[in-house]
């Protein structure tokens, strides 16, 4: 029990340290808020034009569609749709051989980086998520939840989305054990994330089999699923099934990452000296 408690405190400290680390980049954060807000405005008017032409597209009325835009801007960095979290640092450490130092720590490699990513996600949600969403609510007609339970349900979906995002990016980062430079894999993963998360357009808009496949892939857990929970599209047993979908993908991908980590660390090659 003492060992478990000690490890929990360790990972909590790692998460807290990651939160504080990102909080030091105040100018970058303000620039990010500005960028998210500008792109939110551009997408909003694009969606207005699209939904004026096709009302009810994807099962959303216009207010829900505009809300989807601002949820996307709030979650863009929270779930790291475009990457930019721990994976670049981890790949660099693998490339230089510094990963050997990480493996000597009295902590699990995957859990260490997961704790740090949770701290990063919490900061990004508060610092770069709240302000754009508030701006959208002030200047556009959004379909915001009217009860606290829906907000809480959406928060759980976001947390599960961060777990799925971490698990995907951890797999990408571990590819550097074999590829030396994992930039190509990271770029492919970034493109898949942008398209299949629902960042560009709601996956509900995708036609036929493409839509079914896109919604079944793990990237949908990053943005499409939290957005639908926030918009009240997933309630009751459907909400539980939604959580099971996200948690299932998180478990499968985390297990895959642990297996790949086990294989990779048996054959650590120090690269670059």
Protein backbone atom coordinates (compact mmCIF):
# COMPACT_ATOMS: atom_id res chain seq x y z
CA UNK A 1 0.00 0.00 0.00
CA UNK A 2 2.85 2.39 0.86
CA UNK A 3 4.56 1.62 -2.44
CA UNK A 4 1.36 2.35 -4.38
CA UNK A 5 0.82 5.54 -2.42
CA UNK A 6 4.38 6.62 -3.10
CA UNK A 7 4.03 5.98 -6.82
CA UNK A 8 0.75 7.88 -6.94
CA UNK A 9 2.45 10.86 -5.28
CA UNK A 10 5.33 10.58 -7.75
CA UNK A 11 3.07 10.62 -10.80
CA UNK A 12 0.93 13.39 -9.30
CA UNK A 13 4.11 15.42 -8.86
CA UNK A 14 5.09 14.73 -12.48
CA UNK A 15 1.64 15.89 -13.65
CA UNK A 16 1.84 19.01 -11.48
CA UNK A 17 5.34 19.77 -12.73
CA UNK A 18 4.17 19.43 -16.33
CA UNK A 19 1.26 21.81 -15.65
CA UNK A 20 3.63 24.40 -14.17
CA UNK A 21 6.12 23.92 -17.01
CA UNK A 22 3.54 24.81 -19.65
CA UNK A 23 2.27 27.68 -17.50
CA UNK A 24 5.66 29.40 -17.81
CA UNK A 25 5.15 29.97 -21.56
CA UNK A 26 2.74 32.88 -21.12
CA UNK A 27 3.40 34.64 -24.42
CA UNK A 28 3.09 31.39 -26.38
CA UNK A 29 -0.15 30.63 -24.56
CA UNK A 30 -1.63 34.04 -25.36
CA UNK A 31 -0.58 33.64 -28.98
CA UNK A 32 -2.23 30.22 -29.03
CA UNK A 33 -5.47 31.62 -27.59
CA UNK A 34 -5.46 34.34 -30.24
CA UNK A 35 -4.80 31.81 -33.03
CA UNK A 36 -7.51 29.43 -31.82
CA UNK A 37 -9.99 32.30 -31.63
CA UNK A 38 -9.19 33.61 -35.12
CA UNK A 39 -9.52 30.15 -36.66
CA UNK A 40 -12.72 29.66 -34.68
CA UNK A 41 -14.21 32.79 -36.25
CA UNK A 42 -13.14 31.68 -39.75
CA UNK A 43 -14.62 28.21 -39.26
CA UNK A 44 -17.77 29.67 -37.74
CA UNK A 45 -18.61 31.69 -40.84
CA UNK A 46 -17.71 28.71 -43.03
CA UNK A 47 -20.12 26.55 -41.04
CA UNK A 48 -22.81 29.24 -41.18
CA UNK A 49 -22.61 29.25 -44.97
CA UNK A 50 -22.63 25.45 -45.12
CA UNK A 51 -25.56 25.01 -42.73
CA UNK A 52 -27.51 27.78 -44.48
CA UNK A 53 -27.27 25.67 -47.62
CA UNK A 54 -27.90 22.34 -45.87
CA UNK A 55 -29.86 22.80 -42.62
CA UNK A 56 -29.64 19.84 -40.26
CA UNK A 57 -26.46 18.51 -41.87
CA UNK A 58 -25.01 15.65 -39.83
CA UNK A 59 -27.94 15.80 -37.42
CA UNK A 60 -26.93 19.23 -36.08
CA UNK A 61 -28.91 22.44 -36.27
CA UNK A 62 -26.88 25.58 -36.93
CA UNK A 63 -26.40 26.47 -33.25
CA UNK A 64 -25.10 22.97 -32.52
CA UNK A 65 -22.80 23.13 -35.56
CA UNK A 66 -21.33 26.43 -34.36
CA UNK A 67 -20.91 25.00 -30.89
CA UNK A 68 -19.02 22.11 -32.47
CA UNK A 69 -16.59 24.62 -33.99
CA UNK A 70 -15.76 26.19 -30.64
CA UNK A 71 -15.53 22.84 -28.87
CA UNK A 72 -12.95 21.96 -31.50
CA UNK A 73 -10.94 25.09 -30.76
CA UNK A 74 -11.15 24.40 -27.02
CA UNK A 75 -9.95 20.81 -27.42
CA UNK A 76 -7.43 21.28 -30.23
CA UNK A 77 -4.40 21.42 -27.92
CA UNK A 78 -6.05 19.67 -24.98
CA UNK A 79 -6.18 16.36 -26.84
CA UNK A 80 -3.18 17.35 -29.01
CA UNK A 81 -4.93 16.73 -32.32
CA UNK A 82 -1.95 18.23 -34.12
CA UNK A 83 0.62 16.65 -31.82
CA UNK A 84 3.16 18.87 -30.12
CA UNK A 85 3.02 17.19 -26.73
CA UNK A 86 5.55 14.84 -25.16
CA UNK A 87 6.19 12.76 -28.29
CA UNK A 88 8.78 15.09 -29.85
CA UNK A 89 10.79 15.11 -26.63
CA UNK A 90 10.55 11.35 -26.19
CA UNK A 91 11.63 10.69 -29.77
CA UNK A 92 14.60 13.02 -29.29
CA UNK A 93 15.61 11.17 -26.13
CA UNK A 94 15.43 7.85 -27.96
CA UNK A 95 17.49 9.25 -30.84
CA UNK A 96 20.25 10.61 -28.57
CA UNK A 97 20.30 7.66 -26.20
CA UNK A 98 19.09 9.70 -23.20
CA UNK A 99 16.22 7.22 -22.96
CA UNK A 100 18.64 4.96 -21.09
CA UNK A 101 18.55 7.44 -18.20
CA UNK A 102 14.74 7.34 -18.20
CA UNK A 103 14.80 3.55 -17.96
CA UNK A 104 16.91 3.76 -14.79
CA UNK A 105 14.28 5.85 -13.02
CA UNK A 106 12.28 4.07 -10.29
CA UNK A 107 9.13 4.70 -12.36
CA UNK A 108 7.39 3.10 -15.28
CA UNK A 109 8.30 4.81 -18.57
CA UNK A 110 4.75 4.82 -19.94
CA UNK A 111 3.18 5.99 -16.67
CA UNK A 112 5.79 8.75 -16.31
CA UNK A 113 5.02 10.25 -19.71
CA UNK A 114 1.28 9.73 -19.23
CA UNK A 115 1.34 11.72 -15.99
CA UNK A 116 3.19 14.52 -17.72
CA UNK A 117 0.71 14.53 -20.59
CA UNK A 118 -2.25 14.72 -18.23
CA UNK A 119 -0.69 17.81 -16.64
CA UNK A 120 -0.16 19.30 -20.09
CA UNK A 121 -3.74 18.55 -21.12
CA UNK A 122 -5.17 20.11 -17.97
CA UNK A 123 -3.22 23.31 -18.54
CA UNK A 124 -4.16 23.53 -22.21
CA UNK A 125 -7.85 23.02 -21.42
CA UNK A 126 -7.85 25.83 -18.86
CA UNK A 127 -5.48 28.21 -20.61
CA UNK A 128 -6.23 27.69 -24.30
CA UNK A 129 -9.67 26.10 -24.12
CA UNK A 130 -11.80 28.29 -21.88
CA UNK A 131 -11.03 31.66 -23.51
CA UNK A 132 -11.91 30.71 -27.13
CA UNK A 133 -15.07 28.94 -25.94
CA UNK A 134 -16.08 32.01 -23.93
CA UNK A 135 -15.45 34.23 -26.96
CA UNK A 136 -17.59 31.99 -29.13
CA UNK A 137 -20.39 32.05 -26.57
CA UNK A 138 -20.32 35.85 -26.37
CA UNK A 139 -20.40 36.62 -30.10
CA UNK A 140 -22.31 33.70 -31.60
CA UNK A 141 -25.46 31.77 -30.80
CA UNK A 142 -24.21 28.49 -29.33
CA UNK A 143 -26.10 25.49 -27.95
CA UNK A 144 -24.46 25.34 -24.53
CA UNK A 145 -25.62 22.73 -21.99
CA UNK A 146 -28.08 24.01 -19.45
CA UNK A 147 -27.28 21.55 -16.66
CA UNK A 148 -24.16 20.71 -14.69
CA UNK A 149 -24.43 16.96 -15.35
CA UNK A 150 -23.90 17.43 -19.08
CA UNK A 151 -20.81 19.55 -18.41
CA UNK A 152 -19.52 16.84 -16.07
CA UNK A 153 -20.28 14.09 -18.60
CA UNK A 154 -18.38 16.07 -21.25
CA UNK A 155 -15.41 16.51 -18.88
CA UNK A 156 -15.20 12.72 -18.44
CA UNK A 157 -15.30 12.27 -22.24
CA UNK A 158 -12.48 14.82 -22.61
CA UNK A 159 -10.36 12.99 -20.03
CA UNK A 160 -10.86 9.70 -21.86
CA UNK A 161 -10.04 11.49 -25.11
CA UNK A 162 -6.73 12.66 -23.64
CA UNK A 163 -5.93 9.07 -22.64
CA UNK A 164 -6.61 7.81 -26.17
CA UNK A 165 -4.56 10.67 -27.62
CA UNK A 166 -1.63 9.86 -25.32
CA UNK A 167 -1.77 6.18 -26.19
CA UNK A 168 -1.68 6.94 -29.93
CA UNK A 169 1.20 9.40 -29.59
CA UNK A 170 3.16 7.06 -27.30
CA UNK A 171 3.06 4.41 -30.03
CA UNK A 172 4.24 7.00 -32.55
CA UNK A 173 7.11 8.07 -30.28
CA UNK A 174 8.26 4.48 -29.72
CA UNK A 175 8.65 4.02 -33.47
CA UNK A 176 11.89 6.01 -33.09
CA UNK A 177 13.49 2.91 -31.54
CA UNK A 178 13.46 1.36 -35.02
CA UNK A 179 13.28 4.30 -37.40
CA UNK A 180 15.82 6.57 -35.64
CA UNK A 181 13.86 9.56 -36.93
CA UNK A 182 10.14 9.10 -36.34
CA UNK A 183 9.16 12.37 -38.05
CA UNK A 184 7.53 10.55 -40.98
CA UNK A 185 5.37 8.40 -38.72
CA UNK A 186 4.47 11.47 -36.66
CA UNK A 187 3.35 13.35 -39.77
CA UNK A 188 1.18 10.45 -40.94
CA UNK A 189 -0.35 10.24 -37.46
CA UNK A 190 -0.98 14.01 -37.50
CA UNK A 191 -2.83 13.79 -40.83
CA UNK A 192 -4.91 10.85 -39.62
CA UNK A 193 -5.74 12.69 -36.41
CA UNK A 194 -6.83 15.85 -38.24
CA UNK A 195 -9.09 13.94 -40.62
CA UNK A 196 -10.53 11.19 -38.41
CA UNK A 197 -10.93 13.12 -35.14
CA UNK A 198 -13.62 15.37 -36.61
CA UNK A 199 -11.44 18.46 -36.38
CA UNK A 200 -12.11 19.60 -39.94
CA UNK A 201 -15.75 18.49 -40.17
CA UNK A 202 -17.99 16.46 -37.85
CA UNK A 203 -17.64 12.78 -38.65
CA UNK A 204 -21.44 12.59 -38.72
CA UNK A 205 -21.26 14.49 -42.01
CA UNK A 206 -19.15 11.77 -43.66
CA UNK A 207 -21.30 9.64 -45.99
CA UNK A 208 -22.00 5.90 -45.82
CA UNK A 209 -19.24 3.45 -45.01
CA UNK A 210 -16.62 6.21 -44.70
CA UNK A 211 -18.57 7.74 -41.83
CA UNK A 212 -19.06 4.38 -40.11
CA UNK A 213 -15.36 3.56 -40.35
CA UNK A 214 -14.27 7.04 -39.22
CA UNK A 215 -16.52 6.92 -36.16
CA UNK A 216 -15.19 3.46 -35.24
CA UNK A 217 -11.53 4.52 -35.32
CA UNK A 218 -9.78 5.66 -32.12
CA UNK A 219 -9.28 9.23 -33.34
CA UNK A 220 -13.02 9.88 -33.07
CA UNK A 221 -12.60 9.60 -29.29
CA UNK A 222 -10.49 12.76 -29.33
CA UNK A 223 -13.03 15.31 -30.55
CA UNK A 224 -16.18 13.90 -32.16
CA UNK A 225 -17.19 11.91 -29.09
CA UNK A 226 -16.62 14.68 -26.48
CA UNK A 227 -18.42 17.15 -28.74
CA UNK A 228 -21.47 14.89 -29.05
CA UNK A 229 -21.54 14.38 -25.28
CA UNK A 230 -21.34 18.15 -24.77
CA UNK A 231 -24.16 18.68 -27.26
CA UNK A 232 -26.38 16.18 -25.46
CA UNK A 233 -26.30 13.63 -28.30
CA UNK A 234 -25.14 10.84 -25.96
CA UNK A 235 -27.29 10.24 -22.89
CA UNK A 236 -28.35 7.32 -20.71
CA UNK A 237 -27.13 3.92 -21.87
CA UNK A 238 -25.75 5.52 -25.02
CA UNK A 239 -23.47 7.66 -22.84
CA UNK A 240 -22.20 4.56 -21.04
CA UNK A 241 -21.56 2.89 -24.40
CA UNK A 242 -19.68 6.01 -25.47
CA UNK A 243 -17.44 5.87 -22.41
CA UNK A 244 -16.89 2.15 -23.02
CA UNK A 245 -15.84 2.93 -26.61
CA UNK A 246 -13.29 5.49 -25.45
CA UNK A 247 -12.04 3.42 -22.52
CA UNK A 248 -11.80 0.33 -24.73
CA UNK A 249 -9.61 2.09 -27.27
CA UNK A 250 -7.50 3.59 -24.48
CA UNK A 251 -6.97 0.14 -22.92
CA UNK A 252 -6.09 -1.52 -26.24
CA UNK A 253 -3.68 1.23 -27.30
CA UNK A 254 -2.05 1.53 -23.87
CA UNK A 255 -1.56 -2.24 -23.82
CA UNK A 256 -0.06 -2.04 -27.30
CA UNK A 257 2.27 0.71 -26.12
CA UNK A 258 3.36 -1.35 -23.11
CA UNK A 259 4.07 -4.34 -25.33
CA UNK A 260 6.04 -2.24 -27.81
CA UNK A 261 7.91 -0.60 -24.94
CA UNK A 262 8.85 -4.02 -23.57
CA UNK A 263 10.17 -5.14 -26.96
CA UNK A 264 11.99 -1.86 -27.60
CA UNK A 265 13.74 -1.59 -24.24
CA UNK A 266 15.24 -5.05 -24.63
CA UNK A 267 17.21 -3.78 -27.58
CA UNK A 268 18.03 -0.19 -26.66
CA UNK A 269 20.64 1.14 -29.04
CA UNK A 270 22.42 4.33 -28.04
CA UNK A 271 22.42 6.48 -31.14
CA UNK A 272 24.68 9.43 -31.67
CA UNK A 273 27.43 8.50 -29.21
